[in-house]
């Protein structure tokens, strides 16, 4: 086990700088992210001990 803290998911999302200088997430990764969120919510929906607060905490 490592002593260093794990990088939050938000720090692992690859960003691309657009020609306007803003950071963007590539569309294919947005689709993957949305599918992962949907999958997690389906899993939470099937677990009687979980609710939307639990899902939100997991995303945070």
PDB file of N, CA and C in Angstrom:
ATOM      1  N   UNK A   1       0.851  -1.178   0.000  1.00  0.00           N
ATOM      2  CA  UNK A   1       0.000   0.000   0.000  1.00  0.00           C
ATOM      3  C   UNK A   1       0.892   1.235   0.000  1.00  0.00           C
ATOM      4  N   UNK A   2       0.507   2.215  -0.762  1.00  0.00           N
ATOM      5  CA  UNK A   2       1.293   3.438  -0.900  1.00  0.00           C
ATOM      6  C   UNK A   2       0.916   4.433   0.191  1.00  0.00           C
ATOM      7  N   UNK A   3       1.901   5.220   0.624  1.00  0.00           N
ATOM      8  CA  UNK A   3       1.638   6.264   1.613  1.00  0.00           C
ATOM      9  C   UNK A   3       1.103   7.541   0.977  1.00  0.00           C
ATOM     10  N   UNK A   4       1.252   7.664  -0.338  1.00  0.00           N
ATOM     11  CA  UNK A   4       0.769   8.862  -1.010  1.00  0.00           C
ATOM     12  C   UNK A   4      -0.727   8.747  -1.286  1.00  0.00           C
ATOM     13  N   UNK A   5      -1.448   9.876  -1.145  1.00  0.00           N
ATOM     14  CA  UNK A   5      -2.903   9.820  -1.386  1.00  0.00           C
ATOM     15  C   UNK A   5      -3.199   9.562  -2.859  1.00  0.00           C
ATOM     16  N   UNK A   6      -4.328   8.923  -3.100  1.00  0.00           N
ATOM     17  CA  UNK A   6      -4.751   8.636  -4.475  1.00  0.00           C
ATOM     18  C   UNK A   6      -5.221   9.926  -5.141  1.00  0.00           C
ATOM     19  N   UNK A   7      -4.912  10.072  -6.415  1.00  0.00           N
ATOM     20  CA  UNK A   7      -5.369  11.234  -7.175  1.00  0.00           C
ATOM     21  C   UNK A   7      -6.876  11.130  -7.382  1.00  0.00           C
ATOM     22  N   UNK A   8      -7.618  12.185  -7.044  1.00  0.00           N
ATOM     23  CA  UNK A   8      -9.068  12.135  -7.273  1.00  0.00           C
ATOM     24  C   UNK A   8      -9.372  11.946  -8.755  1.00  0.00           C
ATOM     25  N   UNK A   9     -10.526  11.377  -9.031  1.00  0.00           N
ATOM     26  CA  UNK A   9     -10.922  11.127 -10.423  1.00  0.00           C
ATOM     27  C   UNK A   9     -10.888  12.404 -11.242  1.00  0.00           C
ATOM     28  N   UNK A  10     -11.250  13.519 -10.632  1.00  0.00           N
ATOM     29  CA  UNK A  10     -11.262  14.785 -11.377  1.00  0.00           C
ATOM     30  C   UNK A  10      -9.871  15.175 -11.855  1.00  0.00           C
ATOM     31  N   UNK A  11      -8.845  14.711 -11.174  1.00  0.00           N
ATOM     32  CA  UNK A  11      -7.483  15.006 -11.583  1.00  0.00           C
ATOM     33  C   UNK A  11      -6.937  14.050 -12.624  1.00  0.00           C
ATOM     34  N   UNK A  12      -7.713  13.016 -12.935  1.00  0.00           N
ATOM     35  CA  UNK A  12      -7.285  12.025 -13.918  1.00  0.00           C
ATOM     36  C   UNK A  12      -8.018  12.143 -15.241  1.00  0.00           C
ATOM     37  N   UNK A  13      -8.887  13.121 -15.370  1.00  0.00           N
ATOM     38  CA  UNK A  13      -9.628  13.311 -16.616  1.00  0.00           C
ATOM     39  C   UNK A  13      -8.727  14.074 -17.581  1.00  0.00           C
ATOM     40  N   UNK A  14      -8.427  13.482 -18.736  1.00  0.00           N
ATOM     41  CA  UNK A  14      -7.541  14.165 -19.677  1.00  0.00           C
ATOM     42  C   UNK A  14      -8.239  15.349 -20.349  1.00  0.00           C
ATOM     43  N   UNK A  15      -7.623  16.492 -20.253  1.00  0.00           N
ATOM     44  CA  UNK A  15      -8.167  17.702 -20.858  1.00  0.00           C
ATOM     45  C   UNK A  15      -7.339  18.086 -22.074  1.00  0.00           C
ATOM     46  N   UNK A  16      -8.005  18.649 -23.050  1.00  0.00           N
ATOM     47  CA  UNK A  16      -7.351  19.121 -24.267  1.00  0.00           C
ATOM     48  C   UNK A  16      -7.583  20.621 -24.345  1.00  0.00           C
ATOM     49  N   UNK A  17      -6.540  21.374 -24.591  1.00  0.00           N
ATOM     50  CA  UNK A  17      -6.693  22.824 -24.715  1.00  0.00           C
ATOM     51  C   UNK A  17      -7.149  23.159 -26.131  1.00  0.00           C
ATOM     52  N   UNK A  18      -8.269  23.872 -26.205  1.00  0.00           N
ATOM     53  CA  UNK A  18      -8.810  24.264 -27.495  1.00  0.00           C
ATOM     54  C   UNK A  18      -8.096  25.483 -28.060  1.00  0.00           C
ATOM     55  N   UNK A  19      -8.386  25.811 -29.295  1.00  0.00           N
ATOM     56  CA  UNK A  19      -7.762  26.968 -29.938  1.00  0.00           C
ATOM     57  C   UNK A  19      -8.161  28.275 -29.255  1.00  0.00           C
ATOM     58  N   UNK A  20      -9.260  28.231 -28.492  1.00  0.00           N
ATOM     59  CA  UNK A  20      -9.701  29.420 -27.754  1.00  0.00           C
ATOM     60  C   UNK A  20      -9.053  29.516 -26.378  1.00  0.00           C
ATOM     61  N   UNK A  21      -8.184  28.537 -26.043  1.00  0.00           N
ATOM     62  CA  UNK A  21      -7.492  28.562 -24.767  1.00  0.00           C
ATOM     63  C   UNK A  21      -8.220  27.851 -23.638  1.00  0.00           C
ATOM     64  N   UNK A  22      -9.457  27.438 -23.872  1.00  0.00           N
ATOM     65  CA  UNK A  22     -10.230  26.739 -22.848  1.00  0.00           C
ATOM     66  C   UNK A  22      -9.886  25.250 -22.845  1.00  0.00           C
ATOM     67  N   UNK A  23     -10.052  24.633 -21.695  1.00  0.00           N
ATOM     68  CA  UNK A  23      -9.821  23.190 -21.579  1.00  0.00           C
ATOM     69  C   UNK A  23     -11.108  22.443 -21.900  1.00  0.00           C
ATOM     70  N   UNK A  24     -10.980  21.382 -22.673  1.00  0.00           N
ATOM     71  CA  UNK A  24     -12.124  20.570 -23.079  1.00  0.00           C
ATOM     72  C   UNK A  24     -11.824  19.102 -22.840  1.00  0.00           C
ATOM     73  N   UNK A  25     -12.886  18.332 -22.627  1.00  0.00           N
ATOM     74  CA  UNK A  25     -12.776  16.876 -22.540  1.00  0.00           C
ATOM     75  C   UNK A  25     -13.182  16.343 -23.911  1.00  0.00           C
ATOM     76  N   UNK A  26     -12.370  15.487 -24.530  1.00  0.00           N
ATOM     77  CA  UNK A  26     -12.749  14.934 -25.837  1.00  0.00           C
ATOM     78  C   UNK A  26     -14.106  14.224 -25.760  1.00  0.00           C
ATOM     79  N   UNK A  27     -14.904  14.337 -26.817  1.00  0.00           N
ATOM     80  CA  UNK A  27     -16.268  13.821 -26.846  1.00  0.00           C
ATOM     81  C   UNK A  27     -16.339  12.332 -26.527  1.00  0.00           C
ATOM     82  N   UNK A  28     -15.398  11.535 -27.049  1.00  0.00           N
ATOM     83  CA  UNK A  28     -15.461  10.093 -26.782  1.00  0.00           C
ATOM     84  C   UNK A  28     -15.249   9.798 -25.299  1.00  0.00           C
ATOM     85  N   UNK A  29     -14.449  10.628 -24.627  1.00  0.00           N
ATOM     86  CA  UNK A  29     -14.254  10.427 -23.188  1.00  0.00           C
ATOM     87  C   UNK A  29     -15.465  10.890 -22.389  1.00  0.00           C
ATOM     88  N   UNK A  30     -16.174  11.901 -22.882  1.00  0.00           N
ATOM     89  CA  UNK A  30     -17.411  12.344 -22.227  1.00  0.00           C
ATOM     90  C   UNK A  30     -18.434  11.213 -22.274  1.00  0.00           C
ATOM     91  N   UNK A  31     -18.547  10.566 -23.418  1.00  0.00           N
ATOM     92  CA  UNK A  31     -19.482   9.438 -23.561  1.00  0.00           C
ATOM     93  C   UNK A  31     -19.085   8.319 -22.599  1.00  0.00           C
ATOM     94  N   UNK A  32     -17.791   7.992 -22.522  1.00  0.00           N
ATOM     95  CA  UNK A  32     -17.324   6.960 -21.587  1.00  0.00           C
ATOM     96  C   UNK A  32     -17.647   7.338 -20.153  1.00  0.00           C
ATOM     97  N   UNK A  33     -17.442   8.606 -19.810  1.00  0.00           N
ATOM     98  CA  UNK A  33     -17.729   9.080 -18.453  1.00  0.00           C
ATOM     99  C   UNK A  33     -19.212   8.960 -18.133  1.00  0.00           C
ATOM    100  N   UNK A  34     -20.066   9.367 -19.064  1.00  0.00           N
ATOM    101  CA  UNK A  34     -21.509   9.262 -18.839  1.00  0.00           C
ATOM    102  C   UNK A  34     -21.959   7.811 -18.713  1.00  0.00           C
ATOM    103  N   UNK A  35     -21.374   6.926 -19.513  1.00  0.00           N
ATOM    104  CA  UNK A  35     -21.715   5.501 -19.405  1.00  0.00           C
ATOM    105  C   UNK A  35     -21.275   4.939 -18.061  1.00  0.00           C
ATOM    106  N   UNK A  36     -20.117   5.359 -17.562  1.00  0.00           N
ATOM    107  CA  UNK A  36     -19.638   4.895 -16.261  1.00  0.00           C
ATOM    108  C   UNK A  36     -20.557   5.388 -15.141  1.00  0.00           C
ATOM    109  N   UNK A  37     -21.002   6.638 -15.239  1.00  0.00           N
ATOM    110  CA  UNK A  37     -21.933   7.175 -14.237  1.00  0.00           C
ATOM    111  C   UNK A  37     -23.249   6.415 -14.286  1.00  0.00           C
ATOM    112  N   UNK A  38     -23.753   6.145 -15.471  1.00  0.00           N
ATOM    113  CA  UNK A  38     -25.014   5.388 -15.603  1.00  0.00           C
ATOM    114  C   UNK A  38     -24.861   3.993 -15.025  1.00  0.00           C
ATOM    115  N   UNK A  39     -23.736   3.352 -15.297  1.00  0.00           N
ATOM    116  CA  UNK A  39     -23.495   2.010 -14.768  1.00  0.00           C
ATOM    117  C   UNK A  39     -23.443   2.020 -13.245  1.00  0.00           C
ATOM    118  N   UNK A  40     -22.759   3.006 -12.689  1.00  0.00           N
ATOM    119  CA  UNK A  40     -22.679   3.110 -11.228  1.00  0.00           C
ATOM    120  C   UNK A  40     -24.058   3.325 -10.630  1.00  0.00           C
ATOM    121  N   UNK A  41     -24.881   4.151 -11.265  1.00  0.00           N
ATOM    122  CA  UNK A  41     -26.230   4.393 -10.744  1.00  0.00           C
ATOM    123  C   UNK A  41     -27.101   3.144 -10.844  1.00  0.00           C
ATOM    124  N   UNK A  42     -26.923   2.358 -11.902  1.00  0.00           N
ATOM    125  CA  UNK A  42     -27.666   1.095 -11.981  1.00  0.00           C
ATOM    126  C   UNK A  42     -27.254   0.168 -10.835  1.00  0.00           C
ATOM    127  N   UNK A  43     -25.962   0.123 -10.552  1.00  0.00           N
ATOM    128  CA  UNK A  43     -25.483  -0.718  -9.453  1.00  0.00           C
ATOM    129  C   UNK A  43     -26.033  -0.233  -8.118  1.00  0.00           C
ATOM    130  N   UNK A  44     -26.045   1.084  -7.905  1.00  0.00           N
ATOM    131  CA  UNK A  44     -26.605   1.625  -6.666  1.00  0.00           C
ATOM    132  C   UNK A  44     -28.098   1.359  -6.574  1.00  0.00           C
ATOM    133  N   UNK A  45     -28.803   1.424  -7.694  1.00  0.00           N
ATOM    134  CA  UNK A  45     -30.251   1.209  -7.694  1.00  0.00           C
ATOM    135  C   UNK A  45     -30.594  -0.217  -7.261  1.00  0.00           C
ATOM    136  N   UNK A  46     -29.712  -1.163  -7.547  1.00  0.00           N
ATOM    137  CA  UNK A  46     -29.950  -2.562  -7.181  1.00  0.00           C
ATOM    138  C   UNK A  46     -29.538  -2.879  -5.752  1.00  0.00           C
ATOM    139  N   UNK A  47     -28.878  -1.939  -5.071  1.00  0.00           N
ATOM    140  CA  UNK A  47     -28.404  -2.167  -3.706  1.00  0.00           C
ATOM    141  C   UNK A  47     -29.341  -1.471  -2.730  1.00  0.00           C
ATOM    142  N   UNK A  48     -30.065  -2.232  -1.895  1.00  0.00           N
ATOM    143  CA  UNK A  48     -31.035  -1.605  -0.992  1.00  0.00           C
ATOM    144  C   UNK A  48     -30.393  -0.709   0.069  1.00  0.00           C
ATOM    145  N   UNK A  49     -29.090  -0.836   0.294  1.00  0.00           N
ATOM    146  CA  UNK A  49     -28.417  -0.015   1.296  1.00  0.00           C
ATOM    147  C   UNK A  49     -27.888   1.301   0.721  1.00  0.00           C
ATOM    148  N   UNK A  50     -28.105   1.547  -0.559  1.00  0.00           N
ATOM    149  CA  UNK A  50     -27.594   2.754  -1.207  1.00  0.00           C
ATOM    150  C   UNK A  50     -28.741   3.638  -1.670  1.00  0.00           C
ATOM    151  N   UNK A  51     -28.461   4.922  -1.728  1.00  0.00           N
ATOM    152  CA  UNK A  51     -29.429   5.870  -2.267  1.00  0.00           C
ATOM    153  C   UNK A  51     -28.679   6.904  -3.099  1.00  0.00           C
ATOM    154  N   UNK A  52     -29.360   7.931  -3.542  1.00  0.00           N
ATOM    155  CA  UNK A  52     -28.713   8.938  -4.392  1.00  0.00           C
ATOM    156  C   UNK A  52     -27.627   9.701  -3.644  1.00  0.00           C
ATOM    157  N   UNK A  53     -27.755   9.829  -2.333  1.00  0.00           N
ATOM    158  CA  UNK A  53     -26.700  10.484  -1.560  1.00  0.00           C
ATOM    159  C   UNK A  53     -25.422   9.653  -1.606  1.00  0.00           C
ATOM    160  N   UNK A  54     -25.552   8.341  -1.534  1.00  0.00           N
ATOM    161  CA  UNK A  54     -24.401   7.445  -1.629  1.00  0.00           C
ATOM    162  C   UNK A  54     -23.764   7.560  -3.008  1.00  0.00           C
ATOM    163  N   UNK A  55     -24.593   7.622  -4.044  1.00  0.00           N
ATOM    164  CA  UNK A  55     -24.079   7.753  -5.403  1.00  0.00           C
ATOM    165  C   UNK A  55     -23.331   9.068  -5.570  1.00  0.00           C
ATOM    166  N   UNK A  56     -23.902  10.143  -5.040  1.00  0.00           N
ATOM    167  CA  UNK A  56     -23.241  11.447  -5.142  1.00  0.00           C
ATOM    168  C   UNK A  56     -21.919  11.442  -4.388  1.00  0.00           C
ATOM    169  N   UNK A  57     -21.879  10.818  -3.230  1.00  0.00           N
ATOM    170  CA  UNK A  57     -20.626  10.730  -2.463  1.00  0.00           C
ATOM    171  C   UNK A  57     -19.566   9.947  -3.226  1.00  0.00           C
ATOM    172  N   UNK A  58     -19.988   8.900  -3.905  1.00  0.00           N
ATOM    173  CA  UNK A  58     -19.027   8.102  -4.688  1.00  0.00           C
ATOM    174  C   UNK A  58     -18.469   8.912  -5.842  1.00  0.00           C
ATOM    175  N   UNK A  59     -19.288   9.728  -6.470  1.00  0.00           N
ATOM    176  CA  UNK A  59     -18.817  10.573  -7.560  1.00  0.00           C
ATOM    177  C   UNK A  59     -17.864  11.637  -7.038  1.00  0.00           C
ATOM    178  N   UNK A  60     -18.199  12.218  -5.883  1.00  0.00           N
ATOM    179  CA  UNK A  60     -17.303  13.215  -5.273  1.00  0.00           C
ATOM    180  C   UNK A  60     -15.977  12.595  -4.937  1.00  0.00           C
TER     181      UNK A  60
END
